[in-house]
Every structure is written in structure tokens, then in C-alpha cells.
Amino acid sequence: MNVNFDLVYNQPLAPLTSLRTGGYAEIFASPDTPDALGTLISSCRHTPVQVLGGGSNIIVPDGTVSGLTVSLGKMASFRQISRCTAEIGAGYPLPKLLKTLRTLNLGGLEFAVGIPGTAGGAFLGNAGAGGHGFCELVDTVTALDSSGQLITLERGQFTYGYRYCSLREMIVISMVMTFRDFEPEDAELLEFYRDKRRNQPVSSRSAGCTFKNPEGHSAGKLLDECGCKGLSIGGAKVSEQHANFIINTGNASSSDVNSLIDLCAKKVYDSTGIILEREIKTLSPCFYTR
């Protein structure tokens, strides 16, 4: 049994995120196998555990993040099971997955082109566009519970919706996904979604879309119409390119970002009565070890 992992104390987390803000992990580990992760979790007692994926779509709190922070970056395998089915490790980068599928002439995930992060994060956040989400391609999930035990859940044993998955209180290790043969029209879909994301500040320090789209509305359009573009607090600023993105201009704290998010939400609510729900998550425990 391979149980290789090193514990790092006071690990800076900001460099591991796309926003580049936040503090330190009290304890940090990057195990390279499910066995190693299971051993690590089962050796802890009553410890908060949070998982850091690809570092996008996340705000790390300022100061010390208590307990154990786990990175799944070393669990980035891709194993083809059949022509259209593959097992994908949670740490497998989503952009790399799109390239792998294209190499294998497989389709079905075109809506995810241009989305950063990892397969595990895309699953837990049901990342997607155009009414499609990552979870709809997932057949089974292997995950770790708070006792360090591996369990397998089949479709129907987990639920999902718009930017939501019910397994946030587990550590997702891998997923078995079913794709389809790549069709000529899929090339057009890829270009369609690439075009949609060309107006986003992808080269800036950002955590991605700040708010979910309210039903029947575009969050970016609402924020723009309510005068949020260009607003800033400390080193955090609403992108002039796309109002649903907050960028770190160089010295932002997570407190700056959170305050600016709250200000934008208030401006939209005061003007329209619409409550914006955050799409960006704050790094927090998925469970406490038993």
C-alpha cells in the first residue's frame, strides 16, 4: 500500500489560487494516492478538513486556515475504460481534459472549454454553460468520507443542479464519465464557447465569475447596469472588461474582495430588488474528521 505524503506547516495558500489572496494552511498535505489520503484522514481526530483543487473559484480566508488543507493535485490520472468511458482523477486539470478528449476524438464536454480548475472542482461546482453542467456526464464517483473510508456512489445517489452538487461534504477522488464520439458540429460548439469567454479577464488575477446568474437574468449585465464596473476596495477591483469578475490588482486581501462582493450585491439589490448569490466559494471545511 502506497501511503506517501508529507505534512507542511504554515503553507502559504495564496500562490495556489488564481485570485492570489489569503493566508496560510495550519497543516497542508498533497497525497498522491487514495490510500495515502485515507491514511491521512483516518489518522486525524476531530480536525477540520478542507480541499483545495485547482485554486480557481475560491477565496482563501486571510490569516491562518485551521486544521488540515488537502491538495488533490497529484491525483490527476486519466484512464480510458472503453471507447467513450474514462475514469478521471479529481486533480486532472479541466483544460487538459478538454485537450485529451479532443485527441481521442471524444465529445460532450464542449461547454466547458475555457473554464479553469480541475475535474473534481468542476464536478462539485457542476461547472458549465448553455444549460449544461459537468455532472450530467458523470456515472459514478469515488469519494472519501470523514472516517477515511473510500465509497463509490452511482448516478442517482448524488444530486446536482445549477452550480451545485450534493457531495460537498466528501472528498471526491475520481469520477467515471461517459462521453460520445466527436461530431463535426462539436467543433462549432467549441468555437462558440471560446467566443463567449473572450470578453472575460482571463489573464488577470481573478477567481472567475463572482455571482451566479439569477433566473432570467445575467449577473454581469445587472452589475454593469448598476454601475459596478471599476468599483474598488483596497487592491480588489471590479473588472472594466466584465462586471461579474473581481480582479486582484496586486495587493488585495481576501477581506478586500469579500467587501467588494458585498458592495456589488447591495448595489444590485438596492436598484433592482434582485438578490445575487455568490458563485465563488470561500475555502471552508468539507467535514471534521471522526
C-alpha atoms as a PDB file:
ATOM      1  CA  MET A   1       0.000   0.000   0.000  1.00  0.00           C
ATOM      2  CA  ASN A   2       1.416   3.391  -1.023  1.00  0.00           C
ATOM      3  CA  VAL A   3       0.861   5.971   1.701  1.00  0.00           C
ATOM      4  CA  ASN A   4       3.223   8.693   0.594  1.00  0.00           C
ATOM      5  CA  PHE A   5       2.524  12.209   1.850  1.00  0.00           C
ATOM      6  CA  ASP A   6       4.424  14.994   3.585  1.00  0.00           C
ATOM      7  CA  LEU A   7       2.894  17.400   6.063  1.00  0.00           C
ATOM      8  CA  VAL A   8       3.767  21.065   5.647  1.00  0.00           C
ATOM      9  CA  TYR A   9       3.047  23.563   8.386  1.00  0.00           C
ATOM     10  CA  ASN A  10       2.050  27.199   7.746  1.00  0.00           C
ATOM     11  CA  GLN A  11       1.857  26.663   3.993  1.00  0.00           C
ATOM     12  CA  PRO A  12       1.050  29.901   2.094  1.00  0.00           C
ATOM     13  CA  LEU A  13      -2.137  29.297   0.100  1.00  0.00           C
ATOM     14  CA  ALA A  14      -2.408  32.494  -1.951  1.00  0.00           C
ATOM     15  CA  PRO A  15       0.133  31.281  -4.572  1.00  0.00           C
ATOM     16  CA  LEU A  16      -2.003  28.160  -5.051  1.00  0.00           C
ATOM     17  CA  THR A  17      -5.076  30.145  -6.113  1.00  0.00           C
ATOM     18  CA  SER A  18      -5.951  32.115  -9.233  1.00  0.00           C
ATOM     19  CA  LEU A  19      -7.005  35.127  -7.129  1.00  0.00           C
ATOM     20  CA  ARG A  20      -3.694  35.165  -5.225  1.00  0.00           C
ATOM     21  CA  THR A  21      -5.159  36.275  -1.890  1.00  0.00           C
ATOM     22  CA  GLY A  22      -5.494  34.656   1.521  1.00  0.00           C
ATOM     23  CA  GLY A  23      -3.410  33.305   4.338  1.00  0.00           C
ATOM     24  CA  TYR A  24      -1.763  30.095   5.468  1.00  0.00           C
ATOM     25  CA  ALA A  25      -2.795  26.491   5.987  1.00  0.00           C
ATOM     26  CA  GLU A  26      -2.115  25.341   9.532  1.00  0.00           C
ATOM     27  CA  ILE A  27      -1.345  21.886   8.110  1.00  0.00           C
ATOM     28  CA  PHE A  28      -1.063  21.143   4.390  1.00  0.00           C
ATOM     29  CA  ALA A  29      -0.682  17.862   2.535  1.00  0.00           C
ATOM     30  CA  SER A  30      -0.687  16.736  -1.078  1.00  0.00           C
ATOM     31  CA  PRO A  31      -1.086  12.929  -1.017  1.00  0.00           C
ATOM     32  CA  ASP A  32      -0.556  11.108  -4.284  1.00  0.00           C
ATOM     33  CA  THR A  33      -2.913   8.130  -3.882  1.00  0.00           C
ATOM     34  CA  PRO A  34      -6.366   7.472  -2.373  1.00  0.00           C
ATOM     35  CA  ASP A  35      -4.704   5.101   0.131  1.00  0.00           C
ATOM     36  CA  ALA A  36      -2.380   7.868   1.281  1.00  0.00           C
ATOM     37  CA  LEU A  37      -5.257  10.285   1.640  1.00  0.00           C
ATOM     38  CA  GLY A  38      -7.349   7.729   3.515  1.00  0.00           C
ATOM     39  CA  THR A  39      -4.495   7.023   5.921  1.00  0.00           C
ATOM     40  CA  LEU A  40      -4.021  10.748   6.483  1.00  0.00           C
ATOM     41  CA  ILE A  41      -7.707  11.372   7.199  1.00  0.00           C
ATOM     42  CA  SER A  42      -8.097   8.324   9.464  1.00  0.00           C
ATOM     43  CA  SER A  43      -5.033   9.407  11.498  1.00  0.00           C
ATOM     44  CA  CYS A  44      -6.648  12.750  12.355  1.00  0.00           C
ATOM     45  CA  ARG A  45      -9.179  13.175  15.109  1.00  0.00           C
ATOM     46  CA  HIS A  46     -11.808  15.932  15.227  1.00  0.00           C
ATOM     47  CA  THR A  47      -9.878  18.012  12.712  1.00  0.00           C
ATOM     48  CA  PRO A  48     -11.431  20.348  10.138  1.00  0.00           C
ATOM     49  CA  VAL A  49     -10.515  19.274   6.610  1.00  0.00           C
ATOM     50  CA  GLN A  50     -10.762  21.497   3.565  1.00  0.00           C
ATOM     51  CA  VAL A  51      -9.839  20.618  -0.014  1.00  0.00           C
ATOM     52  CA  LEU A  52      -8.049  22.954  -2.378  1.00  0.00           C
ATOM     53  CA  GLY A  53      -8.433  21.919  -6.003  1.00  0.00           C
ATOM     54  CA  GLY A  54      -7.055  23.928  -8.895  1.00  0.00           C
ATOM     55  CA  GLY A  55      -7.372  27.143  -6.889  1.00  0.00           C
ATOM     56  CA  SER A  56      -9.974  28.815  -9.116  1.00  0.00           C
ATOM     57  CA  ASN A  57     -13.465  29.803  -7.969  1.00  0.00           C
ATOM     58  CA  ILE A  58     -12.211  30.008  -4.382  1.00  0.00           C
ATOM     59  CA  ILE A  59     -11.379  32.674  -1.821  1.00  0.00           C
ATOM     60  CA  VAL A  60      -8.895  31.642   0.876  1.00  0.00           C
ATOM     61  CA  PRO A  61      -9.558  33.492   4.161  1.00  0.00           C
ATOM     62  CA  ASP A  62      -6.896  35.869   5.439  1.00  0.00           C
ATOM     63  CA  GLY A  63      -4.835  34.648   8.380  1.00  0.00           C
ATOM     64  CA  THR A  64      -4.494  31.001   9.369  1.00  0.00           C
ATOM     65  CA  VAL A  65      -6.784  28.340   7.929  1.00  0.00           C
ATOM     66  CA  SER A  66      -7.215  25.937  10.820  1.00  0.00           C
ATOM     67  CA  GLY A  67      -6.873  22.176  10.549  1.00  0.00           C
ATOM     68  CA  LEU A  68      -5.810  20.194   7.509  1.00  0.00           C
ATOM     69  CA  THR A  69      -5.875  21.573   3.973  1.00  0.00           C
ATOM     70  CA  VAL A  70      -5.539  18.914   1.291  1.00  0.00           C
ATOM     71  CA  SER A  71      -4.470  19.388  -2.301  1.00  0.00           C
ATOM     72  CA  LEU A  72      -5.510  16.725  -4.805  1.00  0.00           C
ATOM     73  CA  GLY A  73      -3.152  17.995  -7.484  1.00  0.00           C
ATOM     74  CA  LYS A  74      -1.178  14.736  -7.516  1.00  0.00           C
ATOM     75  CA  MET A  75      -4.316  12.669  -8.143  1.00  0.00           C
ATOM     76  CA  ALA A  76      -4.524  13.636 -11.783  1.00  0.00           C
ATOM     77  CA  SER A  77      -4.926  10.354 -13.621  1.00  0.00           C
ATOM     78  CA  PHE A  78      -6.853   9.649 -16.820  1.00  0.00           C
ATOM     79  CA  ARG A  79      -7.723   6.021 -17.548  1.00  0.00           C
ATOM     80  CA  GLN A  80      -9.764   5.084 -20.585  1.00  0.00           C
ATOM     81  CA  ILE A  81     -12.090   2.191 -19.743  1.00  0.00           C
ATOM     82  CA  SER A  82     -13.831   1.824 -23.089  1.00  0.00           C
ATOM     83  CA  ARG A  83     -14.195   3.844 -26.267  1.00  0.00           C
ATOM     84  CA  CYS A  84     -16.383   6.518 -24.654  1.00  0.00           C
ATOM     85  CA  THR A  85     -15.845   5.909 -20.929  1.00  0.00           C
ATOM     86  CA  ALA A  86     -12.942   7.036 -18.744  1.00  0.00           C
ATOM     87  CA  GLU A  87     -12.002   7.338 -15.087  1.00  0.00           C
ATOM     88  CA  ILE A  88     -10.668  10.801 -14.307  1.00  0.00           C
ATOM     89  CA  GLY A  89      -8.810  11.768 -11.146  1.00  0.00           C
ATOM     90  CA  ALA A  90     -10.160  14.760  -9.234  1.00  0.00           C
ATOM     91  CA  GLY A  91      -6.900  16.635  -9.718  1.00  0.00           C
ATOM     92  CA  TYR A  92      -6.915  16.324 -13.511  1.00  0.00           C
ATOM     93  CA  PRO A  93      -6.906  19.868 -14.938  1.00  0.00           C
ATOM     94  CA  LEU A  94     -10.108  20.668 -16.791  1.00  0.00           C
ATOM     95  CA  PRO A  95      -8.368  22.388 -19.740  1.00  0.00           C
ATOM     96  CA  LYS A  96      -6.142  19.306 -20.107  1.00  0.00           C
ATOM     97  CA  LEU A  97      -9.228  17.076 -20.043  1.00  0.00           C
ATOM     98  CA  LEU A  98     -10.693  19.005 -22.983  1.00  0.00           C
ATOM     99  CA  LYS A  99      -7.438  18.517 -24.917  1.00  0.00           C
ATOM    100  CA  THR A 100      -7.313  14.811 -24.041  1.00  0.00           C
ATOM    101  CA  LEU A 101     -10.866  14.281 -25.239  1.00  0.00           C
ATOM    102  CA  ARG A 102     -10.130  16.099 -28.479  1.00  0.00           C
ATOM    103  CA  THR A 103      -7.080  13.874 -29.041  1.00  0.00           C
ATOM    104  CA  LEU A 104      -9.265  10.799 -28.507  1.00  0.00           C
ATOM    105  CA  ASN A 105     -11.933  12.257 -30.812  1.00  0.00           C
ATOM    106  CA  LEU A 106     -14.474  12.329 -27.983  1.00  0.00           C
ATOM    107  CA  GLY A 107     -17.110  14.974 -27.375  1.00  0.00           C
ATOM    108  CA  GLY A 108     -19.759  16.043 -24.926  1.00  0.00           C
ATOM    109  CA  LEU A 109     -17.795  18.489 -22.782  1.00  0.00           C
ATOM    110  CA  GLU A 110     -17.510  21.356 -25.284  1.00  0.00           C
ATOM    111  CA  PHE A 111     -19.427  23.735 -22.987  1.00  0.00           C
ATOM    112  CA  ALA A 112     -16.537  23.586 -20.501  1.00  0.00           C
ATOM    113  CA  VAL A 113     -13.898  24.987 -22.865  1.00  0.00           C
ATOM    114  CA  GLY A 114     -12.087  27.904 -21.256  1.00  0.00           C
ATOM    115  CA  ILE A 115     -13.147  27.016 -17.707  1.00  0.00           C
ATOM    116  CA  PRO A 116     -10.117  26.708 -15.382  1.00  0.00           C
ATOM    117  CA  GLY A 117      -9.651  24.395 -12.400  1.00  0.00           C
ATOM    118  CA  THR A 118      -9.763  20.637 -12.016  1.00  0.00           C
ATOM    119  CA  ALA A 119     -12.207  17.851 -12.811  1.00  0.00           C
ATOM    120  CA  GLY A 120     -13.041  17.456  -9.121  1.00  0.00           C
ATOM    121  CA  GLY A 121     -13.834  21.125  -8.711  1.00  0.00           C
ATOM    122  CA  ALA A 122     -15.847  21.119 -11.936  1.00  0.00           C
ATOM    123  CA  PHE A 123     -17.887  18.212 -10.576  1.00  0.00           C
ATOM    124  CA  LEU A 124     -18.532  19.708  -7.130  1.00  0.00           C
ATOM    125  CA  GLY A 125     -19.485  23.056  -8.644  1.00  0.00           C
ATOM    126  CA  ASN A 126     -21.260  21.472 -11.620  1.00  0.00           C
ATOM    127  CA  ALA A 127     -19.337  23.858 -13.860  1.00  0.00           C
ATOM    128  CA  GLY A 128     -20.865  24.513 -17.211  1.00  0.00           C
ATOM    129  CA  ALA A 129     -22.576  26.848 -19.643  1.00  0.00           C
ATOM    130  CA  GLY A 130     -25.516  26.972 -22.015  1.00  0.00           C
ATOM    131  CA  GLY A 131     -27.747  24.947 -19.724  1.00  0.00           C
ATOM    132  CA  HIS A 132     -25.254  22.072 -19.493  1.00  0.00           C
ATOM    133  CA  GLY A 133     -23.180  21.011 -16.474  1.00  0.00           C
ATOM    134  CA  PHE A 134     -20.225  18.739 -15.776  1.00  0.00           C
ATOM    135  CA  CYS A 135     -22.242  16.404 -13.538  1.00  0.00           C
ATOM    136  CA  GLU A 136     -24.510  15.227 -16.336  1.00  0.00           C
ATOM    137  CA  LEU A 137     -21.615  13.257 -17.833  1.00  0.00           C
ATOM    138  CA  VAL A 138     -20.675  11.524 -14.541  1.00  0.00           C
ATOM    139  CA  ASP A 139     -21.773   7.902 -13.996  1.00  0.00           C
ATOM    140  CA  THR A 140     -20.024   7.002 -10.733  1.00  0.00           C
ATOM    141  CA  VAL A 141     -17.968   8.844  -8.134  1.00  0.00           C
ATOM    142  CA  THR A 142     -15.319   7.535  -5.769  1.00  0.00           C
ATOM    143  CA  ALA A 143     -15.100   9.673  -2.650  1.00  0.00           C
ATOM    144  CA  LEU A 144     -13.644   9.686   0.849  1.00  0.00           C
ATOM    145  CA  ASP A 145     -15.798  10.213   3.934  1.00  0.00           C
ATOM    146  CA  SER A 146     -14.839  11.727   7.282  1.00  0.00           C
ATOM    147  CA  SER A 147     -13.562   8.381   8.627  1.00  0.00           C
ATOM    148  CA  GLY A 148     -11.112   7.955   5.755  1.00  0.00           C
ATOM    149  CA  GLN A 149     -13.178   5.252   4.031  1.00  0.00           C
ATOM    150  CA  LEU A 150     -13.495   5.122   0.257  1.00  0.00           C
ATOM    151  CA  ILE A 151     -17.024   4.793  -1.066  1.00  0.00           C
ATOM    152  CA  THR A 152     -18.452   4.592  -4.582  1.00  0.00           C
ATOM    153  CA  LEU A 153     -21.660   6.371  -5.470  1.00  0.00           C
ATOM    154  CA  GLU A 154     -23.610   5.761  -8.653  1.00  0.00           C
ATOM    155  CA  ARG A 155     -25.783   8.186 -10.574  1.00  0.00           C
ATOM    156  CA  GLY A 156     -28.947   8.612  -8.558  1.00  0.00           C
ATOM    157  CA  GLN A 157     -27.038   8.501  -5.261  1.00  0.00           C
ATOM    158  CA  PHE A 158     -25.972  12.115  -5.656  1.00  0.00           C
ATOM    159  CA  THR A 159     -27.921  15.133  -6.855  1.00  0.00           C
ATOM    160  CA  TYR A 160     -26.879  18.222  -8.745  1.00  0.00           C
ATOM    161  CA  GLY A 161     -28.251  21.445 -10.169  1.00  0.00           C
ATOM    162  CA  TYR A 162     -27.105  24.858 -11.304  1.00  0.00           C
ATOM    163  CA  ARG A 163     -23.577  25.249  -9.855  1.00  0.00           C
ATOM    164  CA  TYR A 164     -24.437  22.683  -7.188  1.00  0.00           C
ATOM    165  CA  CYS A 165     -23.574  19.102  -6.252  1.00  0.00           C
ATOM    166  CA  SER A 166     -24.684  17.254  -3.129  1.00  0.00           C
ATOM    167  CA  LEU A 167     -21.266  15.698  -2.362  1.00  0.00           C
ATOM    168  CA  ARG A 168     -19.577  18.791  -0.936  1.00  0.00           C
ATOM    169  CA  GLU A 169     -19.224  17.087   2.457  1.00  0.00           C
ATOM    170  CA  MET A 170     -16.937  14.414   0.998  1.00  0.00           C
ATOM    171  CA  ILE A 171     -13.578  14.436  -0.748  1.00  0.00           C
ATOM    172  CA  VAL A 172     -14.133  13.407  -4.347  1.00  0.00           C
ATOM    173  CA  ILE A 173     -11.233  11.244  -5.563  1.00  0.00           C
ATOM    174  CA  SER A 174     -12.257  10.286  -9.096  1.00  0.00           C
ATOM    175  CA  MET A 175     -15.194  10.048 -11.479  1.00  0.00           C
ATOM    176  CA  VAL A 176     -16.187   7.644 -14.224  1.00  0.00           C
ATOM    177  CA  MET A 177     -17.567   9.696 -17.101  1.00  0.00           C
ATOM    178  CA  THR A 178     -19.225   8.793 -20.387  1.00  0.00           C
ATOM    179  CA  PHE A 179     -18.556  10.911 -23.456  1.00  0.00           C
ATOM    180  CA  ARG A 180     -19.567  10.453 -27.100  1.00  0.00           C
ATOM    181  CA  ASP A 181     -17.911  10.450 -30.484  1.00  0.00           C
ATOM    182  CA  PHE A 182     -16.815  13.903 -31.573  1.00  0.00           C
ATOM    183  CA  GLU A 183     -19.066  15.189 -34.346  1.00  0.00           C
ATOM    184  CA  PRO A 184     -18.361  17.953 -36.900  1.00  0.00           C
ATOM    185  CA  GLU A 185     -20.854  20.273 -35.198  1.00  0.00           C
ATOM    186  CA  ASP A 186     -18.899  19.921 -31.940  1.00  0.00           C
ATOM    187  CA  ALA A 187     -16.070  21.955 -33.486  1.00  0.00           C
ATOM    188  CA  GLU A 188     -18.577  24.774 -33.951  1.00  0.00           C
ATOM    189  CA  LEU A 189     -19.661  24.415 -30.322  1.00  0.00           C
ATOM    190  CA  LEU A 190     -16.056  24.706 -29.143  1.00  0.00           C
ATOM    191  CA  GLU A 191     -15.602  27.926 -31.070  1.00  0.00           C
ATOM    192  CA  PHE A 192     -18.963  29.246 -29.833  1.00  0.00           C
ATOM    193  CA  TYR A 193     -17.972  28.827 -26.178  1.00  0.00           C
ATOM    194  CA  ARG A 194     -14.458  30.162 -26.817  1.00  0.00           C
ATOM    195  CA  ASP A 195     -16.023  33.305 -28.276  1.00  0.00           C
ATOM    196  CA  LYS A 196     -18.279  33.727 -25.240  1.00  0.00           C
ATOM    197  CA  ARG A 197     -15.270  33.688 -22.917  1.00  0.00           C
ATOM    198  CA  ARG A 198     -13.091  36.074 -24.911  1.00  0.00           C
ATOM    199  CA  ASN A 199     -14.716  39.027 -23.118  1.00  0.00           C
ATOM    200  CA  GLN A 200     -13.632  37.691 -19.733  1.00  0.00           C
ATOM    201  CA  PRO A 201     -10.446  38.913 -17.977  1.00  0.00           C
ATOM    202  CA  VAL A 202      -8.738  35.515 -18.161  1.00  0.00           C
ATOM    203  CA  SER A 203      -5.235  36.985 -17.887  1.00  0.00           C
ATOM    204  CA  SER A 204      -5.994  38.827 -14.628  1.00  0.00           C
ATOM    205  CA  ARG A 205      -5.801  37.539 -11.075  1.00  0.00           C
ATOM    206  CA  SER A 206      -9.410  36.515 -10.566  1.00  0.00           C
ATOM    207  CA  ALA A 207     -11.438  33.705  -9.020  1.00  0.00           C
ATOM    208  CA  GLY A 208     -13.796  33.556 -12.010  1.00  0.00           C
ATOM    209  CA  CYS A 209     -17.444  34.587 -12.093  1.00  0.00           C
ATOM    210  CA  THR A 210     -18.367  36.244  -8.814  1.00  0.00           C
ATOM    211  CA  PHE A 211     -22.128  35.639  -8.832  1.00  0.00           C
ATOM    212  CA  LYS A 212     -24.478  33.038 -10.223  1.00  0.00           C
ATOM    213  CA  ASN A 213     -26.922  34.194 -12.874  1.00  0.00           C
ATOM    214  CA  PRO A 214     -30.328  34.791 -11.273  1.00  0.00           C
ATOM    215  CA  GLU A 215     -33.143  33.065 -13.110  1.00  0.00           C
ATOM    216  CA  GLY A 216     -33.980  35.061 -16.208  1.00  0.00           C
ATOM    217  CA  HIS A 217     -31.073  37.489 -15.763  1.00  0.00           C
ATOM    218  CA  SER A 218     -27.364  37.871 -16.444  1.00  0.00           C
ATOM    219  CA  ALA A 219     -25.403  38.723 -13.303  1.00  0.00           C
ATOM    220  CA  GLY A 220     -22.793  40.543 -15.375  1.00  0.00           C
ATOM    221  CA  LYS A 221     -25.414  42.710 -17.082  1.00  0.00           C
ATOM    222  CA  LEU A 222     -27.110  43.556 -13.775  1.00  0.00           C
ATOM    223  CA  LEU A 223     -23.799  44.551 -12.212  1.00  0.00           C
ATOM    224  CA  ASP A 224     -22.885  46.648 -15.236  1.00  0.00           C
ATOM    225  CA  GLU A 225     -26.251  48.436 -15.289  1.00  0.00           C
ATOM    226  CA  CYS A 226     -25.962  49.184 -11.567  1.00  0.00           C
ATOM    227  CA  GLY A 227     -22.607  50.919 -12.017  1.00  0.00           C
ATOM    228  CA  CYS A 228     -20.335  48.279 -10.518  1.00  0.00           C
ATOM    229  CA  LYS A 229     -17.657  48.227 -13.242  1.00  0.00           C
ATOM    230  CA  GLY A 230     -14.473  49.814 -11.955  1.00  0.00           C
ATOM    231  CA  LEU A 231     -15.517  49.858  -8.288  1.00  0.00           C
ATOM    232  CA  SER A 232     -12.647  49.044  -5.965  1.00  0.00           C
ATOM    233  CA  ILE A 233     -11.887  48.389  -2.311  1.00  0.00           C
ATOM    234  CA  GLY A 234      -8.227  48.169  -1.351  1.00  0.00           C
ATOM    235  CA  GLY A 235      -6.488  46.094  -4.010  1.00  0.00           C
ATOM    236  CA  ALA A 236      -9.706  44.472  -5.271  1.00  0.00           C
ATOM    237  CA  LYS A 237     -11.454  45.911  -8.318  1.00  0.00           C
ATOM    238  CA  VAL A 238     -14.471  45.025 -10.444  1.00  0.00           C
ATOM    239  CA  SER A 239     -13.163  44.301 -13.927  1.00  0.00           C
ATOM    240  CA  GLU A 240     -13.764  47.003 -16.539  1.00  0.00           C
ATOM    241  CA  GLN A 241     -13.941  44.183 -19.093  1.00  0.00           C
ATOM    242  CA  HIS A 242     -16.670  42.093 -17.410  1.00  0.00           C
ATOM    243  CA  ALA A 243     -18.577  43.243 -14.326  1.00  0.00           C
ATOM    244  CA  ASN A 244     -19.024  39.717 -12.924  1.00  0.00           C
ATOM    245  CA  PHE A 245     -15.280  39.383 -12.343  1.00  0.00           C
ATOM    246  CA  ILE A 246     -13.346  40.852  -9.428  1.00  0.00           C
ATOM    247  CA  ILE A 247      -9.620  41.130 -10.001  1.00  0.00           C
ATOM    248  CA  ASN A 248      -6.677  41.437  -7.653  1.00  0.00           C
ATOM    249  CA  THR A 249      -4.763  44.495  -8.862  1.00  0.00           C
ATOM    250  CA  GLY A 250      -1.668  43.372  -6.977  1.00  0.00           C
ATOM    251  CA  ASN A 251      -2.083  43.768  -3.243  1.00  0.00           C
ATOM    252  CA  ALA A 252      -5.657  42.745  -2.483  1.00  0.00           C
ATOM    253  CA  SER A 253      -6.586  40.865   0.659  1.00  0.00           C
ATOM    254  CA  SER A 254      -9.428  38.391   0.813  1.00  0.00           C
ATOM    255  CA  SER A 255     -11.174  40.895   3.076  1.00  0.00           C
ATOM    256  CA  ASP A 256     -10.966  43.479   0.264  1.00  0.00           C
ATOM    257  CA  VAL A 257     -12.506  41.006  -2.178  1.00  0.00           C
ATOM    258  CA  ASN A 258     -15.320  39.983   0.172  1.00  0.00           C
ATOM    259  CA  SER A 259     -16.151  43.602   0.982  1.00  0.00           C
ATOM    260  CA  LEU A 260     -16.326  44.450  -2.711  1.00  0.00           C
ATOM    261  CA  ILE A 261     -18.549  41.434  -3.390  1.00  0.00           C
ATOM    262  CA  ASP A 262     -20.930  42.583  -0.640  1.00  0.00           C
ATOM    263  CA  LEU A 263     -20.946  46.141  -2.011  1.00  0.00           C
ATOM    264  CA  CYS A 264     -21.800  44.955  -5.518  1.00  0.00           C
ATOM    265  CA  ALA A 265     -24.580  42.694  -4.264  1.00  0.00           C
ATOM    266  CA  LYS A 266     -26.023  45.594  -2.259  1.00  0.00           C
ATOM    267  CA  LYS A 267     -25.973  47.952  -5.242  1.00  0.00           C
ATOM    268  CA  VAL A 268     -27.845  45.428  -7.375  1.00  0.00           C
ATOM    269  CA  TYR A 269     -30.379  44.717  -4.631  1.00  0.00           C
ATOM    270  CA  ASP A 270     -30.963  48.405  -3.899  1.00  0.00           C
ATOM    271  CA  SER A 271     -31.526  49.116  -7.590  1.00  0.00           C
ATOM    272  CA  THR A 272     -33.472  46.049  -8.687  1.00  0.00           C
ATOM    273  CA  GLY A 273     -34.569  44.052  -5.641  1.00  0.00           C
ATOM    274  CA  ILE A 274     -32.686  41.051  -7.039  1.00  0.00           C
ATOM    275  CA  ILE A 275     -30.537  39.063  -4.614  1.00  0.00           C
ATOM    276  CA  LEU A 276     -27.287  37.888  -6.179  1.00  0.00           C
ATOM    277  CA  GLU A 277     -25.924  34.579  -4.918  1.00  0.00           C
ATOM    278  CA  ARG A 278     -22.191  34.020  -4.832  1.00  0.00           C
ATOM    279  CA  GLU A 279     -20.692  31.576  -7.283  1.00  0.00           C
ATOM    280  CA  ILE A 280     -17.216  31.993  -5.772  1.00  0.00           C
ATOM    281  CA  LYS A 281     -16.789  29.796  -2.699  1.00  0.00           C
ATOM    282  CA  THR A 282     -14.836  30.524   0.466  1.00  0.00           C
ATOM    283  CA  LEU A 283     -12.381  27.784   1.436  1.00  0.00           C
ATOM    284  CA  SER A 284     -14.051  26.036   4.371  1.00  0.00           C
ATOM    285  CA  PRO A 285     -14.159  22.543   5.910  1.00  0.00           C
ATOM    286  CA  CYS A 286     -15.982  19.883   3.924  1.00  0.00           C
ATOM    287  CA  PHE A 287     -16.070  17.842   7.146  1.00  0.00           C
ATOM    288  CA  TYR A 288     -14.482  17.299  10.547  1.00  0.00           C
ATOM    289  CA  THR A 289     -12.660  14.006  10.951  1.00  0.00           C
ATOM    290  CA  ARG A 290     -14.265  11.495  13.308  1.00  0.00           C
END
